[in-house]
Each structure stands twice: as structure tokens, then as C-alpha cells.
Amino acid sequence: MESSLPPKERQANSRRWLITAFVIYGTMVGGLLGFFVIFPNAAYETEAENARTATATKPMRYEGVIANWNRYRTKDARADAR
């Protein structure tokens, strides 16, 4: 089936689509490159590393809670002994 557009208009129309696709593709690639330039460590962090960091900080926080609980229990035991 032949198009009703003249050949020059058909060629201009396909060039417009090609330029539009190139601009969209270029924007996506440029955005990704910009992201990795701004956040260089984001490409190398994994969930395992993030979990390891979280678990490394938690025991220190809970040690204080355990120490307070032990202090409370020893106070309570001394009060019961009287």
C-alpha cells in the first residue's frame, strides 16, 4: 500500500521520528551517566553490605538496654531480699 504523502514529506516525517528517538535515548543515557557521577557509591553498594552496616550498629544500642535491664533486676532482687 502506497502512502498518500509525497516522498520528501515521508522522508521528513521519518527523520522527525528518528531525531525524537535519538533525543529520548540520549536523555536516558545522559541521565544515567549523571546519576553515577553524582552518586558514585550507589553502583557498588549491595543489600548485604547495607545489612552488615545495620547489624554492626545494632548490638551497641541493645547492650545499653541489656545493661539497664540487668541493673533493674539486681535492684529488684535486693529489694525482695530485704
Protein backbone atom coordinates (compact mmCIF):
# COMPACT_ATOMS: atom_id res chain seq x y z
CA MET A 1 0.00 0.00 0.00
CA GLU A 2 1.44 3.30 -1.05
CA SER A 3 1.42 6.37 1.18
CA SER A 4 -0.55 9.44 0.13
CA LEU A 5 2.34 11.69 1.20
CA PRO A 6 4.93 12.86 -1.31
CA PRO A 7 8.40 11.26 -0.92
CA LYS A 8 10.02 14.38 0.59
CA GLU A 9 7.34 14.65 3.27
CA ARG A 10 7.65 10.93 4.05
CA GLN A 11 11.41 11.33 4.43
CA ALA A 12 10.97 14.39 6.68
CA ASN A 13 8.44 12.52 8.79
CA SER A 14 10.77 9.55 9.29
CA ARG A 15 13.65 11.91 10.13
CA ARG A 16 11.49 13.57 12.80
CA TRP A 17 10.82 10.17 14.36
CA LEU A 18 14.50 9.29 14.21
CA ILE A 19 15.52 12.57 15.85
CA THR A 20 12.84 12.16 18.54
CA ALA A 21 14.02 8.63 19.32
CA PHE A 22 17.64 9.81 19.45
CA VAL A 23 16.76 12.67 21.83
CA ILE A 24 14.86 10.31 24.15
CA TYR A 25 17.66 7.73 24.11
CA GLY A 26 20.29 10.43 24.65
CA THR A 27 18.36 11.85 27.59
CA MET A 28 18.14 8.42 29.23
CA VAL A 29 21.84 7.69 28.76
CA GLY A 30 22.82 11.17 29.94
CA GLY A 31 20.61 10.84 32.99
CA LEU A 32 22.17 7.52 33.94
CA LEU A 33 25.67 8.86 33.48
CA GLY A 34 24.80 11.92 35.55
CA PHE A 35 23.37 9.72 38.30
CA PHE A 36 26.55 7.66 38.53
CA VAL A 37 28.70 10.80 38.51
CA ILE A 38 26.71 12.38 41.34
CA PHE A 39 26.28 9.15 43.38
CA PRO A 40 29.39 7.07 42.63
CA ASN A 41 28.94 4.67 45.58
CA ALA A 42 25.36 3.76 44.65
CA ALA A 43 26.61 1.44 41.92
CA TYR A 44 28.72 -0.66 44.29
CA GLU A 45 26.52 -0.99 47.38
CA THR A 46 24.58 -4.21 47.78
CA GLU A 47 21.88 -5.29 50.19
CA ALA A 48 24.38 -7.50 52.01
CA GLU A 49 26.65 -4.52 52.67
CA ASN A 50 23.73 -2.43 53.88
CA ALA A 51 22.58 -5.25 56.17
CA ARG A 52 26.11 -5.70 57.52
CA THR A 53 26.25 -1.97 58.33
CA ALA A 54 22.89 -2.13 60.09
CA THR A 55 23.81 -5.17 62.15
CA ALA A 56 27.14 -3.60 63.10
CA THR A 57 25.36 -0.70 64.78
CA LYS A 58 22.52 -2.58 66.49
CA PRO A 59 24.42 -4.57 69.15
CA MET A 60 25.84 -1.42 70.67
CA ARG A 61 22.37 0.01 71.00
CA TYR A 62 20.97 -3.14 72.62
CA GLU A 63 23.90 -3.54 75.00
CA GLY A 64 22.72 -0.43 76.81
CA VAL A 65 19.19 -1.81 77.08
CA ILE A 66 20.50 -5.11 78.45
CA ALA A 67 22.72 -3.30 80.95
CA ASN A 68 19.78 -1.21 82.15
CA TRP A 69 17.58 -4.29 82.46
CA ASN A 70 20.26 -6.12 84.49
CA ARG A 71 20.60 -3.12 86.79
CA TYR A 72 16.83 -3.02 87.26
CA ARG A 73 16.70 -6.77 88.01
CA THR A 74 19.51 -6.58 90.59
CA LYS A 75 17.80 -3.65 92.31
CA ASP A 76 14.54 -5.61 92.38
CA ALA A 77 16.28 -8.71 93.74
CA ARG A 78 17.88 -6.67 96.54
CA ALA A 79 14.51 -5.19 97.42
CA ASP A 80 12.94 -8.64 97.55
CA ALA A 81 15.76 -9.93 99.79
CA ARG A 82 15.05 -7.35 102.49
